[in-house]
Amino acid sequence: MKEINGRQINDAVLNYINGGTKEQNEELQEYAKRHYPDYDKYDPKSAVAFFIMESFKLRASRMSDNPDTENLYLIDGQTVDHATMMSMLREIYGD
């Protein structure tokens, strides 16, 4: 476990959340800025990770820097792609 800004985060999770496609990361960052009150307390990638982890029972995520590879998330035993994740976030927070 590692403490970041007072939060205990599993090192394996930190190592797994490692960036994403430019467009997907920009979309998630803009969305998190609008809906996550603690966004400005963290760097953008950490803020997005905390936002998603707090919104769902996120088990892991694989965010790729390869423009041909989708970001993937593991939530409650289901693999979720980027479009599905954004849809799920919009169901909770709206646009």
Protein backbone atom coordinates (compact mmCIF):
# COMPACT_ATOMS: atom_id res chain seq x y z
CA MET A 1 0.00 0.00 0.00
CA LYS A 2 1.11 3.52 -0.70
CA GLU A 3 -0.29 6.72 0.76
CA ILE A 4 -1.05 9.47 -1.72
CA ASN A 5 -2.56 12.68 -0.38
CA GLY A 6 -3.88 10.82 2.66
CA ARG A 7 -5.33 7.90 0.69
CA GLN A 8 -4.11 4.31 0.90
CA ILE A 9 -3.74 2.97 -2.63
CA ASN A 10 -2.67 -0.54 -3.56
CA ASP A 11 0.65 -0.45 -5.44
CA ALA A 12 -0.64 -2.97 -7.97
CA VAL A 13 -3.53 -0.64 -8.81
CA LEU A 14 -1.16 2.30 -9.17
CA ASN A 15 1.07 0.31 -11.50
CA TYR A 16 -1.94 -0.81 -13.56
CA ILE A 17 -3.33 2.69 -14.08
CA ASN A 18 -0.65 3.95 -16.41
CA GLY A 19 -2.06 6.32 -18.97
CA GLY A 20 -4.40 6.00 -21.93
CA THR A 21 -5.05 7.20 -25.44
CA LYS A 22 -4.92 10.97 -25.69
CA GLU A 23 -8.58 11.29 -26.68
CA GLN A 24 -9.86 8.92 -23.99
CA ASN A 25 -7.77 10.53 -21.26
CA GLU A 26 -8.86 14.03 -22.30
CA GLU A 27 -12.51 12.95 -22.27
CA LEU A 28 -12.18 11.36 -18.82
CA GLN A 29 -10.24 14.33 -17.42
CA GLU A 30 -12.77 16.86 -18.67
CA TYR A 31 -15.64 14.76 -17.33
CA ALA A 32 -13.96 14.25 -13.95
CA LYS A 33 -13.25 18.01 -13.68
CA ARG A 34 -16.99 18.67 -13.93
CA HIS A 35 -18.17 15.92 -11.57
CA TYR A 36 -15.42 15.12 -9.05
CA PRO A 37 -15.13 17.77 -6.31
CA ASP A 38 -11.61 16.61 -5.30
CA TYR A 39 -10.25 16.80 -8.86
CA ASP A 40 -7.97 19.79 -8.18
CA LYS A 41 -6.37 18.08 -5.16
CA TYR A 42 -4.51 15.60 -7.41
CA ASP A 43 -2.64 15.45 -10.67
CA PRO A 44 -5.06 14.78 -13.57
CA LYS A 45 -4.31 11.03 -13.98
CA SER A 46 -4.61 10.37 -10.25
CA ALA A 47 -7.80 12.44 -10.04
CA VAL A 48 -9.38 10.41 -12.86
CA ALA A 49 -8.31 7.14 -11.21
CA PHE A 50 -9.75 8.19 -7.82
CA PHE A 51 -12.95 9.43 -9.51
CA ILE A 52 -13.50 6.09 -11.24
CA MET A 53 -12.51 4.04 -8.18
CA GLU A 54 -14.93 6.00 -6.00
CA SER A 55 -17.73 5.82 -8.57
CA PHE A 56 -17.57 2.04 -8.99
CA LYS A 57 -16.06 -0.95 -7.28
CA LEU A 58 -13.11 -0.75 -9.64
CA ARG A 59 -10.80 -3.72 -9.33
CA ALA A 60 -8.29 -2.77 -12.02
CA SER A 61 -7.84 -0.72 -15.15
CA ARG A 62 -5.53 -0.93 -18.12
CA MET A 63 -5.14 2.37 -19.88
CA SER A 64 -3.04 2.21 -23.00
CA ASP A 65 -0.87 4.84 -24.66
CA ASN A 66 -1.31 2.95 -27.93
CA PRO A 67 -3.86 4.81 -30.07
CA ASP A 68 -5.14 1.47 -31.40
CA THR A 69 -5.77 -0.06 -27.96
CA GLU A 70 -8.89 0.63 -25.91
CA ASN A 71 -8.77 1.50 -22.23
CA LEU A 72 -10.23 -1.39 -20.21
CA TYR A 73 -11.63 -1.52 -16.68
CA LEU A 74 -12.49 -4.47 -14.43
CA ILE A 75 -15.59 -3.72 -12.35
CA ASP A 76 -17.35 -6.37 -10.28
CA GLY A 77 -15.84 -9.13 -12.43
CA GLN A 78 -16.81 -7.55 -15.76
CA THR A 79 -14.40 -6.09 -18.29
CA VAL A 80 -15.68 -2.71 -19.43
CA ASP A 81 -14.41 -0.72 -22.41
CA HIS A 82 -14.02 3.07 -22.55
CA ALA A 83 -17.38 3.79 -24.20
CA THR A 84 -19.20 1.66 -21.63
CA MET A 85 -17.32 3.35 -18.77
CA MET A 86 -18.31 6.79 -20.04
CA SER A 87 -21.92 5.64 -20.40
CA MET A 88 -21.92 4.30 -16.84
CA LEU A 89 -20.47 7.56 -15.50
CA ARG A 90 -23.11 9.57 -17.38
CA GLU A 91 -25.85 7.42 -15.84
CA ILE A 92 -24.59 8.44 -12.40
CA TYR A 93 -23.51 12.05 -12.96
CA GLY A 94 -25.23 13.16 -16.17
CA ASP A 95 -23.36 15.13 -18.83
